Amino acid sequence: INALQSAFNDLDSETFFTLPGLAND
């Protein structure tokens, strides 16, 4: 859940490079 919340924050800020790692976590 923490990883998914971070993914939403990254989507909101258009910081895409961390998304694959968060999804993998």
mmCIF file of all heavy atoms, coordinates in Angstrom:
data_MODEL
# 
_entry.id   MODEL 
# 
loop_
_atom_site.group_PDB 
_atom_site.id 
_atom_site.type_symbol 
_atom_site.label_atom_id 
_atom_site.label_alt_id 
_atom_site.label_comp_id 
_atom_site.label_asym_id 
_atom_site.label_entity_id 
_atom_site.label_seq_id 
_atom_site.pdbx_PDB_ins_code 
_atom_site.Cartn_x 
_atom_site.Cartn_y 
_atom_site.Cartn_z 
_atom_site.occupancy 
_atom_site.B_iso_or_equiv 
_atom_site.pdbx_formal_charge 
_atom_site.auth_seq_id 
_atom_site.auth_comp_id 
_atom_site.auth_asym_id 
_atom_site.auth_atom_id 
_atom_site.pdbx_PDB_model_num 
ATOM 1   N N   . ILE A 1 1  ? 0.838  -1.206 0.000   1.00 0.00 ? 1  ILE A N   1 
ATOM 2   C CA  . ILE A 1 1  ? 0.000  0.000  0.000   1.00 0.00 ? 1  ILE A CA  1 
ATOM 3   C C   . ILE A 1 1  ? 0.871  1.254  0.000   1.00 0.00 ? 1  ILE A C   1 
ATOM 4   O O   . ILE A 1 1  ? 0.596  2.210  -0.737  1.00 0.00 ? 1  ILE A O   1 
ATOM 5   C CB  . ILE A 1 1  ? -0.988 -0.033 1.188   1.00 0.00 ? 1  ILE A CB  1 
ATOM 6   C CG1 . ILE A 1 1  ? -2.032 -1.118 0.958   1.00 0.00 ? 1  ILE A CG1 1 
ATOM 7   C CG2 . ILE A 1 1  ? -1.645 1.327  1.392   1.00 0.00 ? 1  ILE A CG2 1 
ATOM 8   C CD1 . ILE A 1 1  ? -2.874 -1.470 2.171   1.00 0.00 ? 1  ILE A CD1 1 
ATOM 9   N N   . ASN A 1 2  ? 1.940  1.247  0.777   1.00 0.00 ? 2  ASN A N   1 
ATOM 10  C CA  . ASN A 1 2  ? 2.868  2.391  0.780   1.00 0.00 ? 2  ASN A CA  1 
ATOM 11  C C   . ASN A 1 2  ? 3.493  2.597  -0.602  1.00 0.00 ? 2  ASN A C   1 
ATOM 12  O O   . ASN A 1 2  ? 3.629  3.735  -1.068  1.00 0.00 ? 2  ASN A O   1 
ATOM 13  C CB  . ASN A 1 2  ? 3.951  2.217  1.842   1.00 0.00 ? 2  ASN A CB  1 
ATOM 14  C CG  . ASN A 1 2  ? 3.424  2.413  3.248   1.00 0.00 ? 2  ASN A CG  1 
ATOM 15  O OD1 . ASN A 1 2  ? 2.404  3.063  3.465   1.00 0.00 ? 2  ASN A OD1 1 
ATOM 16  N ND2 . ASN A 1 2  ? 4.122  1.847  4.220   1.00 0.00 ? 2  ASN A ND2 1 
ATOM 17  N N   . ALA A 1 3  ? 3.875  1.504  -1.242  1.00 0.00 ? 3  ALA A N   1 
ATOM 18  C CA  . ALA A 1 3  ? 4.458  1.595  -2.591  1.00 0.00 ? 3  ALA A CA  1 
ATOM 19  C C   . ALA A 1 3  ? 3.434  2.158  -3.583  1.00 0.00 ? 3  ALA A C   1 
ATOM 20  O O   . ALA A 1 3  ? 3.770  3.007  -4.422  1.00 0.00 ? 3  ALA A O   1 
ATOM 21  C CB  . ALA A 1 3  ? 4.948  0.225  -3.052  1.00 0.00 ? 3  ALA A CB  1 
ATOM 22  N N   . LEU A 1 4  ? 2.201  1.710  -3.473  1.00 0.00 ? 4  LEU A N   1 
ATOM 23  C CA  . LEU A 1 4  ? 1.153  2.191  -4.388  1.00 0.00 ? 4  LEU A CA  1 
ATOM 24  C C   . LEU A 1 4  ? 0.832  3.670  -4.131  1.00 0.00 ? 4  LEU A C   1 
ATOM 25  O O   . LEU A 1 4  ? 0.604  4.434  -5.075  1.00 0.00 ? 4  LEU A O   1 
ATOM 26  C CB  . LEU A 1 4  ? -0.091 1.319  -4.267  1.00 0.00 ? 4  LEU A CB  1 
ATOM 27  C CG  . LEU A 1 4  ? 0.106  -0.117 -4.773  1.00 0.00 ? 4  LEU A CG  1 
ATOM 28  C CD1 . LEU A 1 4  ? -1.044 -1.012 -4.323  1.00 0.00 ? 4  LEU A CD1 1 
ATOM 29  C CD2 . LEU A 1 4  ? 0.251  -0.131 -6.289  1.00 0.00 ? 4  LEU A CD2 1 
ATOM 30  N N   . GLN A 1 5  ? 0.837  4.067  -2.864  1.00 0.00 ? 5  GLN A N   1 
ATOM 31  C CA  . GLN A 1 5  ? 0.625  5.489  -2.561  1.00 0.00 ? 5  GLN A CA  1 
ATOM 32  C C   . GLN A 1 5  ? 1.765  6.330  -3.129  1.00 0.00 ? 5  GLN A C   1 
ATOM 33  O O   . GLN A 1 5  ? 1.537  7.417  -3.668  1.00 0.00 ? 5  GLN A O   1 
ATOM 34  C CB  . GLN A 1 5  ? 0.490  5.698  -1.043  1.00 0.00 ? 5  GLN A CB  1 
ATOM 35  C CG  . GLN A 1 5  ? -0.812 5.183  -0.494  1.00 0.00 ? 5  GLN A CG  1 
ATOM 36  C CD  . GLN A 1 5  ? -0.878 5.192  1.028   1.00 0.00 ? 5  GLN A CD  1 
ATOM 37  O OE1 . GLN A 1 5  ? 0.141  5.128  1.716   1.00 0.00 ? 5  GLN A OE1 1 
ATOM 38  N NE2 . GLN A 1 5  ? -2.092 5.241  1.563   1.00 0.00 ? 5  GLN A NE2 1 
ATOM 39  N N   . SER A 1 6  ? 2.981  5.832  -3.026  1.00 0.00 ? 6  SER A N   1 
ATOM 40  C CA  . SER A 1 6  ? 4.130  6.540  -3.609  1.00 0.00 ? 6  SER A CA  1 
ATOM 41  C C   . SER A 1 6  ? 3.992  6.617  -5.128  1.00 0.00 ? 6  SER A C   1 
ATOM 42  O O   . SER A 1 6  ? 4.332  7.641  -5.733  1.00 0.00 ? 6  SER A O   1 
ATOM 43  C CB  . SER A 1 6  ? 5.441  5.833  -3.252  1.00 0.00 ? 6  SER A CB  1 
ATOM 44  O OG  . SER A 1 6  ? 5.687  5.924  -1.874  1.00 0.00 ? 6  SER A OG  1 
ATOM 45  N N   . ALA A 1 7  ? 3.472  5.557  -5.720  1.00 0.00 ? 7  ALA A N   1 
ATOM 46  C CA  . ALA A 1 7  ? 3.264  5.555  -7.176  1.00 0.00 ? 7  ALA A CA  1 
ATOM 47  C C   . ALA A 1 7  ? 2.262  6.640  -7.575  1.00 0.00 ? 7  ALA A C   1 
ATOM 48  O O   . ALA A 1 7  ? 2.472  7.348  -8.570  1.00 0.00 ? 7  ALA A O   1 
ATOM 49  C CB  . ALA A 1 7  ? 2.785  4.177  -7.642  1.00 0.00 ? 7  ALA A CB  1 
ATOM 50  N N   . PHE A 1 8  ? 1.198  6.781  -6.814  1.00 0.00 ? 8  PHE A N   1 
ATOM 51  C CA  . PHE A 1 8  ? 0.228  7.851  -7.103  1.00 0.00 ? 8  PHE A CA  1 
ATOM 52  C C   . PHE A 1 8  ? 0.880  9.229  -6.986  1.00 0.00 ? 8  PHE A C   1 
ATOM 53  O O   . PHE A 1 8  ? 0.647  10.110 -7.817  1.00 0.00 ? 8  PHE A O   1 
ATOM 54  C CB  . PHE A 1 8  ? -0.981 7.764  -6.169  1.00 0.00 ? 8  PHE A CB  1 
ATOM 55  C CG  . PHE A 1 8  ? -2.003 6.763  -6.602  1.00 0.00 ? 8  PHE A CG  1 
ATOM 56  C CD1 . PHE A 1 8  ? -2.368 5.733  -5.759  1.00 0.00 ? 8  PHE A CD1 1 
ATOM 57  C CD2 . PHE A 1 8  ? -2.620 6.845  -7.837  1.00 0.00 ? 8  PHE A CD2 1 
ATOM 58  C CE1 . PHE A 1 8  ? -3.314 4.799  -6.144  1.00 0.00 ? 8  PHE A CE1 1 
ATOM 59  C CE2 . PHE A 1 8  ? -3.563 5.920  -8.234  1.00 0.00 ? 8  PHE A CE2 1 
ATOM 60  C CZ  . PHE A 1 8  ? -3.916 4.894  -7.387  1.00 0.00 ? 8  PHE A CZ  1 
ATOM 61  N N   . ASN A 1 9  ? 1.698  9.408  -5.943  1.00 0.00 ? 9  ASN A N   1 
ATOM 62  C CA  . ASN A 1 9  ? 2.402  10.681 -5.790  1.00 0.00 ? 9  ASN A CA  1 
ATOM 63  C C   . ASN A 1 9  ? 3.319  10.945 -6.980  1.00 0.00 ? 9  ASN A C   1 
ATOM 64  O O   . ASN A 1 9  ? 3.415  12.071 -7.472  1.00 0.00 ? 9  ASN A O   1 
ATOM 65  C CB  . ASN A 1 9  ? 3.208  10.706 -4.487  1.00 0.00 ? 9  ASN A CB  1 
ATOM 66  C CG  . ASN A 1 9  ? 2.322  10.742 -3.260  1.00 0.00 ? 9  ASN A CG  1 
ATOM 67  O OD1 . ASN A 1 9  ? 1.179  11.184 -3.317  1.00 0.00 ? 9  ASN A OD1 1 
ATOM 68  N ND2 . ASN A 1 9  ? 2.856  10.271 -2.148  1.00 0.00 ? 9  ASN A ND2 1 
ATOM 69  N N   . ASP A 1 10 ? 3.992  9.883  -7.443  1.00 0.00 ? 10 ASP A N   1 
ATOM 70  C CA  . ASP A 1 10 ? 4.893  10.029 -8.582  1.00 0.00 ? 10 ASP A CA  1 
ATOM 71  C C   . ASP A 1 10 ? 4.115  10.304 -9.874  1.00 0.00 ? 10 ASP A C   1 
ATOM 72  O O   . ASP A 1 10 ? 4.570  11.085 -10.715 1.00 0.00 ? 10 ASP A O   1 
ATOM 73  C CB  . ASP A 1 10 ? 5.778  8.794  -8.734  1.00 0.00 ? 10 ASP A CB  1 
ATOM 74  C CG  . ASP A 1 10 ? 6.812  8.715  -7.613  1.00 0.00 ? 10 ASP A CG  1 
ATOM 75  O OD1 . ASP A 1 10 ? 6.954  9.691  -6.850  1.00 0.00 ? 10 ASP A OD1 1 
ATOM 76  O OD2 . ASP A 1 10 ? 7.466  7.667  -7.496  1.00 0.00 ? 10 ASP A OD2 1 
ATOM 77  N N   . LEU A 1 11 ? 2.964  9.682  -10.019 1.00 0.00 ? 11 LEU A N   1 
ATOM 78  C CA  . LEU A 1 11 ? 2.128  9.993  -11.181 1.00 0.00 ? 11 LEU A CA  1 
ATOM 79  C C   . LEU A 1 11 ? 1.672  11.445 -11.133 1.00 0.00 ? 11 LEU A C   1 
ATOM 80  O O   . LEU A 1 11 ? 1.696  12.145 -12.153 1.00 0.00 ? 11 LEU A O   1 
ATOM 81  C CB  . LEU A 1 11 ? 0.908  9.063  -11.236 1.00 0.00 ? 11 LEU A CB  1 
ATOM 82  C CG  . LEU A 1 11 ? 1.132  7.664  -11.786 1.00 0.00 ? 11 LEU A CG  1 
ATOM 83  C CD1 . LEU A 1 11 ? -0.086 6.785  -11.527 1.00 0.00 ? 11 LEU A CD1 1 
ATOM 84  C CD2 . LEU A 1 11 ? 1.450  7.715  -13.269 1.00 0.00 ? 11 LEU A CD2 1 
ATOM 85  N N   . ASP A 1 12 ? 1.264  11.884 -9.958  1.00 0.00 ? 12 ASP A N   1 
ATOM 86  C CA  . ASP A 1 12 ? 0.813  13.271 -9.810  1.00 0.00 ? 12 ASP A CA  1 
ATOM 87  C C   . ASP A 1 12 ? 1.923  14.275 -10.163 1.00 0.00 ? 12 ASP A C   1 
ATOM 88  O O   . ASP A 1 12 ? 1.666  15.318 -10.743 1.00 0.00 ? 12 ASP A O   1 
ATOM 89  C CB  . ASP A 1 12 ? 0.321  13.545 -8.387  1.00 0.00 ? 12 ASP A CB  1 
ATOM 90  C CG  . ASP A 1 12 ? -1.002 12.856 -8.076  1.00 0.00 ? 12 ASP A CG  1 
ATOM 91  O OD1 . ASP A 1 12 ? -1.725 12.458 -9.020  1.00 0.00 ? 12 ASP A OD1 1 
ATOM 92  O OD2 . ASP A 1 12 ? -1.316 12.712 -6.874  1.00 0.00 ? 12 ASP A OD2 1 
ATOM 93  N N   . SER A 1 13 ? 3.148  13.935 -9.776  1.00 0.00 ? 13 SER A N   1 
ATOM 94  C CA  . SER A 1 13 ? 4.265  14.842 -10.045 1.00 0.00 ? 13 SER A CA  1 
ATOM 95  C C   . SER A 1 13 ? 4.975  14.520 -11.362 1.00 0.00 ? 13 SER A C   1 
ATOM 96  O O   . SER A 1 13 ? 5.988  15.144 -11.680 1.00 0.00 ? 13 SER A O   1 
ATOM 97  C CB  . SER A 1 13 ? 5.270  14.791 -8.890  1.00 0.00 ? 13 SER A CB  1 
ATOM 98  O OG  . SER A 1 13 ? 5.873  13.514 -8.827  1.00 0.00 ? 13 SER A OG  1 
ATOM 99  N N   . GLU A 1 14 ? 4.440  13.547 -12.089 1.00 0.00 ? 14 GLU A N   1 
ATOM 100 C CA  . GLU A 1 14 ? 5.010  13.101 -13.368 1.00 0.00 ? 14 GLU A CA  1 
ATOM 101 C C   . GLU A 1 14 ? 6.462  12.662 -13.227 1.00 0.00 ? 14 GLU A C   1 
ATOM 102 O O   . GLU A 1 14 ? 7.312  12.928 -14.070 1.00 0.00 ? 14 GLU A O   1 
ATOM 103 C CB  . GLU A 1 14 ? 4.837  14.180 -14.440 1.00 0.00 ? 14 GLU A CB  1 
ATOM 104 C CG  . GLU A 1 14 ? 3.374  14.462 -14.723 1.00 0.00 ? 14 GLU A CG  1 
ATOM 105 C CD  . GLU A 1 14 ? 3.132  15.430 -15.860 1.00 0.00 ? 14 GLU A CD  1 
ATOM 106 O OE1 . GLU A 1 14 ? 4.081  15.763 -16.594 1.00 0.00 ? 14 GLU A OE1 1 
ATOM 107 O OE2 . GLU A 1 14 ? 1.967  15.838 -16.019 1.00 0.00 ? 14 GLU A OE2 1 
ATOM 108 N N   . THR A 1 15 ? 6.726  11.961 -12.134 1.00 0.00 ? 15 THR A N   1 
ATOM 109 C CA  . THR A 1 15 ? 8.031  11.353 -11.877 1.00 0.00 ? 15 THR A CA  1 
ATOM 110 C C   . THR A 1 15 ? 7.898  9.873  -12.197 1.00 0.00 ? 15 THR A C   1 
ATOM 111 O O   . THR A 1 15 ? 7.612  9.069  -11.319 1.00 0.00 ? 15 THR A O   1 
ATOM 112 C CB  . THR A 1 15 ? 8.437  11.552 -10.397 1.00 0.00 ? 15 THR A CB  1 
ATOM 113 O OG1 . THR A 1 15 ? 8.260  12.918 -10.058 1.00 0.00 ? 15 THR A OG1 1 
ATOM 114 C CG2 . THR A 1 15 ? 9.877  11.137 -10.157 1.00 0.00 ? 15 THR A CG2 1 
ATOM 115 N N   . PHE A 1 16 ? 8.077  9.538  -13.430 1.00 0.00 ? 16 PHE A N   1 
ATOM 116 C CA  . PHE A 1 16 ? 7.731  8.198  -13.901 1.00 0.00 ? 16 PHE A CA  1 
ATOM 117 C C   . PHE A 1 16 ? 8.810  7.141  -13.680 1.00 0.00 ? 16 PHE A C   1 
ATOM 118 O O   . PHE A 1 16 ? 8.509  5.953  -13.653 1.00 0.00 ? 16 PHE A O   1 
ATOM 119 C CB  . PHE A 1 16 ? 7.379  8.248  -15.390 1.00 0.00 ? 16 PHE A CB  1 
ATOM 120 C CG  . PHE A 1 16 ? 6.277  9.201  -15.718 1.00 0.00 ? 16 PHE A CG  1 
ATOM 121 C CD1 . PHE A 1 16 ? 6.490  10.253 -16.585 1.00 0.00 ? 16 PHE A CD1 1 
ATOM 122 C CD2 . PHE A 1 16 ? 5.025  9.067  -15.148 1.00 0.00 ? 16 PHE A CD2 1 
ATOM 123 C CE1 . PHE A 1 16 ? 5.468  11.137 -16.900 1.00 0.00 ? 16 PHE A CE1 1 
ATOM 124 C CE2 . PHE A 1 16 ? 3.992  9.936  -15.450 1.00 0.00 ? 16 PHE A CE2 1 
ATOM 125 C CZ  . PHE A 1 16 ? 4.218  10.978 -16.324 1.00 0.00 ? 16 PHE A CZ  1 
ATOM 126 N N   . PHE A 1 17 ? 10.065 7.555  -13.530 1.00 0.00 ? 17 PHE A N   1 
ATOM 127 C CA  . PHE A 1 17 ? 11.149 6.574  -13.497 1.00 0.00 ? 17 PHE A CA  1 
ATOM 128 C C   . PHE A 1 17 ? 11.086 5.639  -12.292 1.00 0.00 ? 17 PHE A C   1 
ATOM 129 O O   . PHE A 1 17 ? 11.666 4.567  -12.305 1.00 0.00 ? 17 PHE A O   1 
ATOM 130 C CB  . PHE A 1 17 ? 12.518 7.268  -13.586 1.00 0.00 ? 17 PHE A CB  1 
ATOM 131 C CG  . PHE A 1 17 ? 12.886 8.080  -12.381 1.00 0.00 ? 17 PHE A CG  1 
ATOM 132 C CD1 . PHE A 1 17 ? 13.633 7.516  -11.352 1.00 0.00 ? 17 PHE A CD1 1 
ATOM 133 C CD2 . PHE A 1 17 ? 12.500 9.413  -12.279 1.00 0.00 ? 17 PHE A CD2 1 
ATOM 134 C CE1 . PHE A 1 17 ? 13.972 8.266  -10.239 1.00 0.00 ? 17 PHE A CE1 1 
ATOM 135 C CE2 . PHE A 1 17 ? 12.845 10.164 -11.169 1.00 0.00 ? 17 PHE A CE2 1 
ATOM 136 C CZ  . PHE A 1 17 ? 13.576 9.595  -10.139 1.00 0.00 ? 17 PHE A CZ  1 
ATOM 137 N N   . THR A 1 18 ? 10.386 6.013  -11.228 1.00 0.00 ? 18 THR A N   1 
ATOM 138 C CA  . THR A 1 18 ? 10.295 5.162  -10.036 1.00 0.00 ? 18 THR A CA  1 
ATOM 139 C C   . THR A 1 18 ? 9.132  4.165  -10.111 1.00 0.00 ? 18 THR A C   1 
ATOM 140 O O   . THR A 1 18 ? 9.069  3.237  -9.309  1.00 0.00 ? 18 THR A O   1 
ATOM 141 C CB  . THR A 1 18 ? 10.114 6.023  -8.774  1.00 0.00 ? 18 THR A CB  1 
ATOM 142 O OG1 . THR A 1 18 ? 8.931  6.808  -8.919  1.00 0.00 ? 18 THR A OG1 1 
ATOM 143 C CG2 . THR A 1 18 ? 11.309 6.927  -8.536  1.00 0.00 ? 18 THR A CG2 1 
ATOM 144 N N   . LEU A 1 19 ? 8.225  4.372  -11.059 1.00 0.00 ? 19 LEU A N   1 
ATOM 145 C CA  . LEU A 1 19 ? 7.013  3.542  -11.101 1.00 0.00 ? 19 LEU A CA  1 
ATOM 146 C C   . LEU A 1 19 ? 7.278  2.042  -11.257 1.00 0.00 ? 19 LEU A C   1 
ATOM 147 O O   . LEU A 1 19 ? 6.665  1.245  -10.539 1.00 0.00 ? 19 LEU A O   1 
ATOM 148 C CB  . LEU A 1 19 ? 6.079  4.040  -12.211 1.00 0.00 ? 19 LEU A CB  1 
ATOM 149 C CG  . LEU A 1 19 ? 5.469  5.420  -12.002 1.00 0.00 ? 19 LEU A CG  1 
ATOM 150 C CD1 . LEU A 1 19 ? 4.642  5.830  -13.222 1.00 0.00 ? 19 LEU A CD1 1 
ATOM 151 C CD2 . LEU A 1 19 ? 4.616  5.460  -10.744 1.00 0.00 ? 19 LEU A CD2 1 
ATOM 152 N N   . PRO A 1 20 ? 8.160  1.626  -12.172 1.00 0.00 ? 20 PRO A N   1 
ATOM 153 C CA  . PRO A 1 20 ? 8.377  0.171  -12.287 1.00 0.00 ? 20 PRO A CA  1 
ATOM 154 C C   . PRO A 1 20 ? 8.864  -0.465 -10.976 1.00 0.00 ? 20 PRO A C   1 
ATOM 155 O O   . PRO A 1 20 ? 8.425  -1.557 -10.608 1.00 0.00 ? 20 PRO A O   1 
ATOM 156 C CB  . PRO A 1 20 ? 9.430  0.037  -13.392 1.00 0.00 ? 20 PRO A CB  1 
ATOM 157 C CG  . PRO A 1 20 ? 9.304  1.285  -14.193 1.00 0.00 ? 20 PRO A CG  1 
ATOM 158 C CD  . PRO A 1 20 ? 8.919  2.356  -13.197 1.00 0.00 ? 20 PRO A CD  1 
ATOM 159 N N   . GLY A 1 21 ? 9.747  0.214  -10.271 1.00 0.00 ? 21 GLY A N   1 
ATOM 160 C CA  . GLY A 1 21 ? 10.255 -0.317 -9.006  1.00 0.00 ? 21 GLY A CA  1 
ATOM 161 C C   . GLY A 1 21 ? 9.175  -0.404 -7.941  1.00 0.00 ? 21 GLY A C   1 
ATOM 162 O O   . GLY A 1 21 ? 9.100  -1.385 -7.190  1.00 0.00 ? 21 GLY A O   1 
ATOM 163 N N   . LEU A 1 22 ? 8.319  0.607  -7.886  1.00 0.00 ? 22 LEU A N   1 
ATOM 164 C CA  . LEU A 1 22 ? 7.223  0.600  -6.906  1.00 0.00 ? 22 LEU A CA  1 
ATOM 165 C C   . LEU A 1 22 ? 6.224  -0.519 -7.216  1.00 0.00 ? 22 LEU A C   1 
ATOM 166 O O   . LEU A 1 22 ? 5.740  -1.199 -6.309  1.00 0.00 ? 22 LEU A O   1 
ATOM 167 C CB  . LEU A 1 22 ? 6.534  1.957  -6.875  1.00 0.00 ? 22 LEU A CB  1 
ATOM 168 C CG  . LEU A 1 22 ? 7.390  3.108  -6.331  1.00 0.00 ? 22 LEU A CG  1 
ATOM 169 C CD1 . LEU A 1 22 ? 6.742  4.458  -6.613  1.00 0.00 ? 22 LEU A CD1 1 
ATOM 170 C CD2 . LEU A 1 22 ? 7.648  2.920  -4.839  1.00 0.00 ? 22 LEU A CD2 1 
ATOM 171 N N   . ALA A 1 23 ? 5.933  -0.713 -8.492  1.00 0.00 ? 23 ALA A N   1 
ATOM 172 C CA  . ALA A 1 23 ? 5.029  -1.804 -8.886  1.00 0.00 ? 23 ALA A CA  1 
ATOM 173 C C   . ALA A 1 23 ? 5.670  -3.153 -8.578  1.00 0.00 ? 23 ALA A C   1 
ATOM 174 O O   . ALA A 1 23 ? 4.995  -4.085 -8.111  1.00 0.00 ? 23 ALA A O   1 
ATOM 175 C CB  . ALA A 1 23 ? 4.684  -1.696 -10.367 1.00 0.00 ? 23 ALA A CB  1 
ATOM 176 N N   . ASN A 1 24 ? 6.962  -3.248 -8.784  1.00 0.00 ? 24 ASN A N   1 
ATOM 177 C CA  . ASN A 1 24 ? 7.680  -4.490 -8.474  1.00 0.00 ? 24 ASN A CA  1 
ATOM 178 C C   . ASN A 1 24 ? 7.697  -4.750 -6.969  1.00 0.00 ? 24 ASN A C   1 
ATOM 179 O O   . ASN A 1 24 ? 7.543  -5.899 -6.529  1.00 0.00 ? 24 ASN A O   1 
ATOM 180 C CB  . ASN A 1 24 ? 9.104  -4.409 -9.031  1.00 0.00 ? 24 ASN A CB  1 
ATOM 181 C CG  . ASN A 1 24 ? 9.765  -5.767 -9.085  1.00 0.00 ? 24 ASN A CG  1 
ATOM 182 O OD1 . ASN A 1 24 ? 9.135  -6.762 -9.431  1.00 0.00 ? 24 ASN A OD1 1 
ATOM 183 N ND2 . ASN A 1 24 ? 11.042 -5.806 -8.747  1.00 0.00 ? 24 ASN A ND2 1 
ATOM 184 N N   . ASP A 1 25 ? 7.849  -3.710 -6.168  1.00 0.00 ? 25 ASP A N   1 
ATOM 185 C CA  . ASP A 1 25 ? 7.794  -3.855 -4.709  1.00 0.00 ? 25 ASP A CA  1 
ATOM 186 C C   . ASP A 1 25 ? 6.427  -4.383 -4.265  1.00 0.00 ? 25 ASP A C   1 
ATOM 187 O O   . ASP A 1 25 ? 6.333  -5.208 -3.351  1.00 0.00 ? 25 ASP A O   1 
ATOM 188 C CB  . ASP A 1 25 ? 8.061  -2.521 -4.015  1.00 0.00 ? 25 ASP A CB  1 
ATOM 189 C CG  . ASP A 1 25 ? 9.506  -2.047 -4.152  1.00 0.00 ? 25 ASP A CG  1 
ATOM 190 O OD1 . ASP A 1 25 ? 10.367 -2.849 -4.556  1.00 0.00 ? 25 ASP A OD1 1 
ATOM 191 O OD2 . ASP A 1 25 ? 9.744  -0.845 -3.874  1.00 0.00 ? 25 ASP A OD2 1 
# 
